[in-house]
Amino acid sequence: VAPLTVIAGTPNCLIISEYIEGSGSNNKAFELYNCSGMPMQLSEFGVCLVSNANTTCSAAAPLPVQTLPAAGVFTVCRTRSGAAPDPVADIASNCNFEAGGVANFNGNDRLVVYRDVDGNGQFGAADTVIDAFGELATDPGSIWADSTYRRCNFTPYTGTGAFDVALTYTKHASNDASDYGTAPVETCP
């Protein structure tokens, strides 16, 4: 997998609006929010997971052919299957897309949303990082384990420079997927 390349000034606004790293194997999910003000084609984008001490994508997945309306959300989960509470009911019923590889995080893994500039369906050097959860080149330790984070600041973060989760997200209890599939509100405490 290619090294992560960040290109500033992208007109797209597709941000990670929720990050759920709950207990069990299947309470892993995230949500993407279209903050661009116009419909966007998801198949132009992909997501990748940077695991543990890695600095490149450990797993990547192109997003499906689907138009996401302005202010719409698209949800990704590890799986909808399993016996409750693994996954919890809100993940199972509100997941739009199963992507076990990229939604298999454990509290220190970072997520990247990228624009598939070359259109090959894989993350590569030509592609643009649109948003990230966590500093890509730094393993923070398992600081996000057993927690849910909801976006309250819509400014995209490209994965470089210091990442202070408290400036961009509000923290919630483990397995709290009660807002999963609901558009975020830009109001940080």
C-alpha atoms as a PDB file:
ATOM      1  CA  VAL A   1       0.000   0.000   0.000  1.00  0.00           C
ATOM      2  CA  ALA A   2       1.334   3.427  -0.944  1.00  0.00           C
ATOM      3  CA  PRO A   3       2.507   5.997   1.599  1.00  0.00           C
ATOM      4  CA  LEU A   4      -0.077   8.578   2.617  1.00  0.00           C
ATOM      5  CA  THR A   5       0.042  11.754   0.535  1.00  0.00           C
ATOM      6  CA  VAL A   6      -1.797  14.877   1.645  1.00  0.00           C
ATOM      7  CA  ILE A   7      -2.733  17.540  -0.909  1.00  0.00           C
ATOM      8  CA  ALA A   8      -4.142  20.740   0.550  1.00  0.00           C
ATOM      9  CA  GLY A   9      -6.957  22.811  -0.907  1.00  0.00           C
ATOM     10  CA  THR A  10      -9.423  20.104  -1.920  1.00  0.00           C
ATOM     11  CA  PRO A  11     -12.964  21.402  -2.553  1.00  0.00           C
ATOM     12  CA  ASN A  12     -14.543  18.224  -1.136  1.00  0.00           C
ATOM     13  CA  CYS A  13     -15.929  18.058   2.366  1.00  0.00           C
ATOM     14  CA  LEU A  14     -16.533  14.471   3.422  1.00  0.00           C
ATOM     15  CA  ILE A  15     -15.650  14.114   7.088  1.00  0.00           C
ATOM     16  CA  ILE A  16     -15.614  11.337   9.663  1.00  0.00           C
ATOM     17  CA  SER A  17     -18.555  12.388  11.800  1.00  0.00           C
ATOM     18  CA  GLU A  18     -18.657   9.457  14.215  1.00  0.00           C
ATOM     19  CA  TYR A  19     -16.082   6.889  15.374  1.00  0.00           C
ATOM     20  CA  ILE A  20     -17.363   3.973  17.454  1.00  0.00           C
ATOM     21  CA  GLU A  21     -14.790   1.688  19.058  1.00  0.00           C
ATOM     22  CA  GLY A  22     -16.908  -0.400  21.404  1.00  0.00           C
ATOM     23  CA  SER A  23     -16.513  -3.642  23.280  1.00  0.00           C
ATOM     24  CA  GLY A  24     -16.605  -6.981  21.512  1.00  0.00           C
ATOM     25  CA  SER A  25     -15.521  -7.779  17.987  1.00  0.00           C
ATOM     26  CA  ASN A  26     -18.379  -6.143  16.070  1.00  0.00           C
ATOM     27  CA  ASN A  27     -19.045  -2.828  17.828  1.00  0.00           C
ATOM     28  CA  LYS A  28     -16.719  -1.034  15.413  1.00  0.00           C
ATOM     29  CA  ALA A  29     -18.253   1.538  13.074  1.00  0.00           C
ATOM     30  CA  PHE A  30     -17.873   5.026  11.684  1.00  0.00           C
ATOM     31  CA  GLU A  31     -19.994   7.565   9.893  1.00  0.00           C
ATOM     32  CA  LEU A  32     -19.179   9.951   7.037  1.00  0.00           C
ATOM     33  CA  TYR A  33     -20.895  13.326   6.656  1.00  0.00           C
ATOM     34  CA  ASN A  34     -21.234  15.364   3.444  1.00  0.00           C
ATOM     35  CA  CYS A  35     -20.450  18.928   4.546  1.00  0.00           C
ATOM     36  CA  SER A  36     -19.814  20.176   0.987  1.00  0.00           C
ATOM     37  CA  GLY A  37     -23.212  21.820   0.486  1.00  0.00           C
ATOM     38  CA  MET A  38     -23.870  19.756  -2.667  1.00  0.00           C
ATOM     39  CA  PRO A  39     -24.521  16.099  -3.533  1.00  0.00           C
ATOM     40  CA  MET A  40     -21.393  13.989  -4.006  1.00  0.00           C
ATOM     41  CA  GLN A  41     -20.707  10.622  -5.601  1.00  0.00           C
ATOM     42  CA  LEU A  42     -19.261   8.329  -2.945  1.00  0.00           C
ATOM     43  CA  SER A  43     -17.535   6.079  -5.485  1.00  0.00           C
ATOM     44  CA  GLU A  44     -15.006   8.880  -5.998  1.00  0.00           C
ATOM     45  CA  PHE A  45     -13.786   8.249  -2.424  1.00  0.00           C
ATOM     46  CA  GLY A  46     -12.397   5.480  -0.267  1.00  0.00           C
ATOM     47  CA  VAL A  47     -11.449   4.872   3.337  1.00  0.00           C
ATOM     48  CA  CYS A  48      -8.340   3.345   4.792  1.00  0.00           C
ATOM     49  CA  LEU A  49      -7.272   2.127   8.198  1.00  0.00           C
ATOM     50  CA  VAL A  50      -3.804   2.830   9.575  1.00  0.00           C
ATOM     51  CA  SER A  51      -3.294   0.159  12.248  1.00  0.00           C
ATOM     52  CA  ASN A  52      -1.178   0.233  15.368  1.00  0.00           C
ATOM     53  CA  ALA A  53       2.361   1.536  14.669  1.00  0.00           C
ATOM     54  CA  ASN A  54       1.942   1.501  10.868  1.00  0.00           C
ATOM     55  CA  THR A  55       2.213   4.766   8.939  1.00  0.00           C
ATOM     56  CA  THR A  56       0.564   3.496   5.745  1.00  0.00           C
ATOM     57  CA  CYS A  57      -2.822   1.944   5.107  1.00  0.00           C
ATOM     58  CA  SER A  58      -3.239  -1.514   6.600  1.00  0.00           C
ATOM     59  CA  ALA A  59      -6.601  -1.935   4.866  1.00  0.00           C
ATOM     60  CA  ALA A  60      -8.493   0.166   2.333  1.00  0.00           C
ATOM     61  CA  ALA A  61     -11.949   0.050   0.781  1.00  0.00           C
ATOM     62  CA  PRO A  62     -13.476   2.054  -2.053  1.00  0.00           C
ATOM     63  CA  LEU A  63     -16.918   3.433  -1.274  1.00  0.00           C
ATOM     64  CA  PRO A  64     -19.882   2.167  -3.324  1.00  0.00           C
ATOM     65  CA  VAL A  65     -21.620   3.883  -6.227  1.00  0.00           C
ATOM     66  CA  GLN A  66     -24.104   6.056  -4.375  1.00  0.00           C
ATOM     67  CA  THR A  67     -24.962   9.736  -4.340  1.00  0.00           C
ATOM     68  CA  LEU A  68     -24.770  11.235  -0.869  1.00  0.00           C
ATOM     69  CA  PRO A  69     -26.944  14.352  -0.576  1.00  0.00           C
ATOM     70  CA  ALA A  70     -25.676  17.552   0.990  1.00  0.00           C
ATOM     71  CA  ALA A  71     -25.789  17.217   4.797  1.00  0.00           C
ATOM     72  CA  GLY A  72     -26.318  13.459   4.395  1.00  0.00           C
ATOM     73  CA  VAL A  73     -24.532  10.696   6.279  1.00  0.00           C
ATOM     74  CA  PHE A  74     -23.194   7.339   5.155  1.00  0.00           C
ATOM     75  CA  THR A  75     -22.415   4.695   7.734  1.00  0.00           C
ATOM     76  CA  VAL A  76     -19.746   1.986   7.642  1.00  0.00           C
ATOM     77  CA  CYS A  77     -19.502  -0.910  10.077  1.00  0.00           C
ATOM     78  CA  ARG A  78     -17.438  -4.002  10.580  1.00  0.00           C
ATOM     79  CA  THR A  79     -20.570  -6.170  10.265  1.00  0.00           C
ATOM     80  CA  ARG A  80     -24.322  -6.048  10.793  1.00  0.00           C
ATOM     81  CA  SER A  81     -24.300  -9.698  11.874  1.00  0.00           C
ATOM     82  CA  GLY A  82     -23.710 -11.175  15.276  1.00  0.00           C
ATOM     83  CA  ALA A  83     -25.648 -11.688  18.442  1.00  0.00           C
ATOM     84  CA  ALA A  84     -26.679  -8.555  20.343  1.00  0.00           C
ATOM     85  CA  PRO A  85     -25.028  -6.773  21.995  1.00  0.00           C
ATOM     86  CA  ASP A  86     -22.181  -7.461  19.522  1.00  0.00           C
ATOM     87  CA  PRO A  87     -23.009  -5.412  17.464  1.00  0.00           C
ATOM     88  CA  VAL A  88     -25.442  -3.213  19.347  1.00  0.00           C
ATOM     89  CA  ALA A  89     -28.838  -2.788  17.687  1.00  0.00           C
ATOM     90  CA  ASP A  90     -28.144   0.775  16.441  1.00  0.00           C
ATOM     91  CA  ILE A  91     -25.053  -0.355  14.529  1.00  0.00           C
ATOM     92  CA  ALA A  92     -26.797  -3.403  13.051  1.00  0.00           C
ATOM     93  CA  SER A  93     -29.880  -1.470  11.914  1.00  0.00           C
ATOM     94  CA  ASN A  94     -28.196   1.749  10.716  1.00  0.00           C
ATOM     95  CA  CYS A  95     -25.133   0.436   8.881  1.00  0.00           C
ATOM     96  CA  ASN A  96     -25.131   1.273   5.142  1.00  0.00           C
ATOM     97  CA  PHE A  97     -21.933  -0.555   4.192  1.00  0.00           C
ATOM     98  CA  GLU A  98     -20.017  -3.443   5.720  1.00  0.00           C
ATOM     99  CA  ALA A  99     -16.244  -3.069   5.424  1.00  0.00           C
ATOM    100  CA  GLY A 100     -14.680  -5.452   7.915  1.00  0.00           C
ATOM    101  CA  GLY A 101     -11.076  -4.588   7.069  1.00  0.00           C
ATOM    102  CA  VAL A 102     -11.278  -0.823   7.529  1.00  0.00           C
ATOM    103  CA  ALA A 103     -13.770  -0.984  10.402  1.00  0.00           C
ATOM    104  CA  ASN A 104     -11.655  -3.340  12.482  1.00  0.00           C
ATOM    105  CA  PHE A 105     -10.001  -0.875  14.831  1.00  0.00           C
ATOM    106  CA  ASN A 106      -8.973  -1.260  18.453  1.00  0.00           C
ATOM    107  CA  GLY A 107      -8.542   2.174  20.018  1.00  0.00           C
ATOM    108  CA  ASN A 108      -5.251   3.324  18.520  1.00  0.00           C
ATOM    109  CA  ASP A 109      -6.012   2.892  14.814  1.00  0.00           C
ATOM    110  CA  ARG A 110      -6.464   5.902  12.585  1.00  0.00           C
ATOM    111  CA  LEU A 111      -8.993   6.342   9.771  1.00  0.00           C
ATOM    112  CA  VAL A 112      -8.465   8.191   6.503  1.00  0.00           C
ATOM    113  CA  VAL A 113     -11.031   9.377   3.969  1.00  0.00           C
ATOM    114  CA  TYR A 114      -9.393   9.898   0.581  1.00  0.00           C
ATOM    115  CA  ARG A 115     -10.438  10.995  -2.880  1.00  0.00           C
ATOM    116  CA  ASP A 116      -9.552   8.300  -5.411  1.00  0.00           C
ATOM    117  CA  VAL A 117      -7.989  10.768  -7.859  1.00  0.00           C
ATOM    118  CA  ASP A 118      -6.679   8.150 -10.287  1.00  0.00           C
ATOM    119  CA  GLY A 119      -9.954   6.183 -10.137  1.00  0.00           C
ATOM    120  CA  ASN A 120      -8.290   2.793  -9.665  1.00  0.00           C
ATOM    121  CA  GLY A 121     -10.229   1.850  -6.510  1.00  0.00           C
ATOM    122  CA  GLN A 122      -7.034   1.591  -4.428  1.00  0.00           C
ATOM    123  CA  PHE A 123      -5.332   4.124  -2.184  1.00  0.00           C
ATOM    124  CA  GLY A 124      -2.137   5.365  -3.811  1.00  0.00           C
ATOM    125  CA  ALA A 125       0.318   8.244  -3.997  1.00  0.00           C
ATOM    126  CA  ALA A 126      -1.867  10.175  -6.478  1.00  0.00           C
ATOM    127  CA  ASP A 127      -4.861  10.199  -4.130  1.00  0.00           C
ATOM    128  CA  THR A 128      -5.877  13.060  -1.816  1.00  0.00           C
ATOM    129  CA  VAL A 129      -6.505  12.785   1.925  1.00  0.00           C
ATOM    130  CA  ILE A 130      -9.841  14.526   2.602  1.00  0.00           C
ATOM    131  CA  ASP A 131     -10.186  13.886   6.351  1.00  0.00           C
ATOM    132  CA  ALA A 132      -8.649  11.725   9.056  1.00  0.00           C
ATOM    133  CA  PHE A 133      -9.295  10.557  12.586  1.00  0.00           C
ATOM    134  CA  GLY A 134      -5.913  10.621  14.291  1.00  0.00           C
ATOM    135  CA  GLU A 135      -2.415  11.657  13.316  1.00  0.00           C
ATOM    136  CA  LEU A 136      -1.412   9.212  10.597  1.00  0.00           C
ATOM    137  CA  ALA A 137       2.273   8.834  11.439  1.00  0.00           C
ATOM    138  CA  THR A 138       1.794   8.436  15.197  1.00  0.00           C
ATOM    139  CA  ASP A 139       0.472   5.499  17.195  1.00  0.00           C
ATOM    140  CA  PRO A 140      -1.248   7.236  20.127  1.00  0.00           C
ATOM    141  CA  GLY A 141      -1.664   4.086  22.221  1.00  0.00           C
ATOM    142  CA  SER A 142      -5.168   2.764  22.861  1.00  0.00           C
ATOM    143  CA  ILE A 143      -6.595   6.125  23.912  1.00  0.00           C
ATOM    144  CA  TRP A 144      -9.814   5.757  21.858  1.00  0.00           C
ATOM    145  CA  ALA A 145     -10.688   2.243  23.067  1.00  0.00           C
ATOM    146  CA  ASP A 146     -14.202   1.534  24.314  1.00  0.00           C
ATOM    147  CA  SER A 147     -15.461   4.988  23.341  1.00  0.00           C
ATOM    148  CA  THR A 148     -17.684   6.735  20.840  1.00  0.00           C
ATOM    149  CA  TYR A 149     -16.649  10.072  19.343  1.00  0.00           C
ATOM    150  CA  ARG A 150     -19.085  12.448  17.593  1.00  0.00           C
ATOM    151  CA  ARG A 151     -17.903  15.297  15.375  1.00  0.00           C
ATOM    152  CA  CYS A 152     -18.625  18.802  16.647  1.00  0.00           C
ATOM    153  CA  ASN A 153     -16.114  20.776  14.518  1.00  0.00           C
ATOM    154  CA  PHE A 154     -16.523  20.308  10.748  1.00  0.00           C
ATOM    155  CA  THR A 155     -13.075  21.585   9.773  1.00  0.00           C
ATOM    156  CA  PRO A 156     -11.412  18.701   7.910  1.00  0.00           C
ATOM    157  CA  TYR A 157      -8.224  17.315   9.435  1.00  0.00           C
ATOM    158  CA  THR A 158      -5.727  15.796   6.987  1.00  0.00           C
ATOM    159  CA  GLY A 159      -3.871  13.568   9.434  1.00  0.00           C
ATOM    160  CA  THR A 160      -0.717  15.657   9.794  1.00  0.00           C
ATOM    161  CA  GLY A 161       0.198  17.825  12.763  1.00  0.00           C
ATOM    162  CA  ALA A 162      -1.122  17.429  16.268  1.00  0.00           C
ATOM    163  CA  PHE A 163      -4.522  15.747  16.636  1.00  0.00           C
ATOM    164  CA  ASP A 164      -6.460  16.732  19.754  1.00  0.00           C
ATOM    165  CA  VAL A 165      -9.655  14.692  19.629  1.00  0.00           C
ATOM    166  CA  ALA A 166     -11.311  16.991  22.207  1.00  0.00           C
ATOM    167  CA  LEU A 167     -11.140  19.967  19.807  1.00  0.00           C
ATOM    168  CA  THR A 168     -13.062  18.155  17.079  1.00  0.00           C
ATOM    169  CA  TYR A 169     -15.195  15.474  18.761  1.00  0.00           C
ATOM    170  CA  THR A 170     -17.287  14.939  21.859  1.00  0.00           C
ATOM    171  CA  LYS A 171     -16.634  11.709  23.763  1.00  0.00           C
ATOM    172  CA  HIS A 172     -19.418   9.273  24.666  1.00  0.00           C
ATOM    173  CA  ALA A 173     -19.743   5.910  26.413  1.00  0.00           C
ATOM    174  CA  SER A 174     -18.638   2.591  24.963  1.00  0.00           C
ATOM    175  CA  ASN A 175     -21.155   1.063  22.524  1.00  0.00           C
ATOM    176  CA  ASP A 176     -23.177   4.313  22.357  1.00  0.00           C
ATOM    177  CA  ALA A 177     -24.453   4.248  18.790  1.00  0.00           C
ATOM    178  CA  SER A 178     -27.620   6.213  19.545  1.00  0.00           C
ATOM    179  CA  ASP A 179     -26.722   8.949  16.992  1.00  0.00           C
ATOM    180  CA  TYR A 180     -25.216   6.570  14.412  1.00  0.00           C
ATOM    181  CA  GLY A 181     -26.845   7.412  11.092  1.00  0.00           C
ATOM    182  CA  THR A 182     -27.901  10.921  12.218  1.00  0.00           C
ATOM    183  CA  ALA A 183     -26.223  14.031  10.813  1.00  0.00           C
ATOM    184  CA  PRO A 184     -23.919  15.749  13.317  1.00  0.00           C
ATOM    185  CA  VAL A 185     -24.378  19.254  14.697  1.00  0.00           C
ATOM    186  CA  GLU A 186     -21.429  21.634  14.627  1.00  0.00           C
ATOM    187  CA  THR A 187     -21.407  22.704  18.264  1.00  0.00           C
ATOM    188  CA  CYS A 188     -18.362  21.912  20.335  1.00  0.00           C
ATOM    189  CA  PRO A 189     -18.581  22.567  24.081  1.00  0.00           C
END
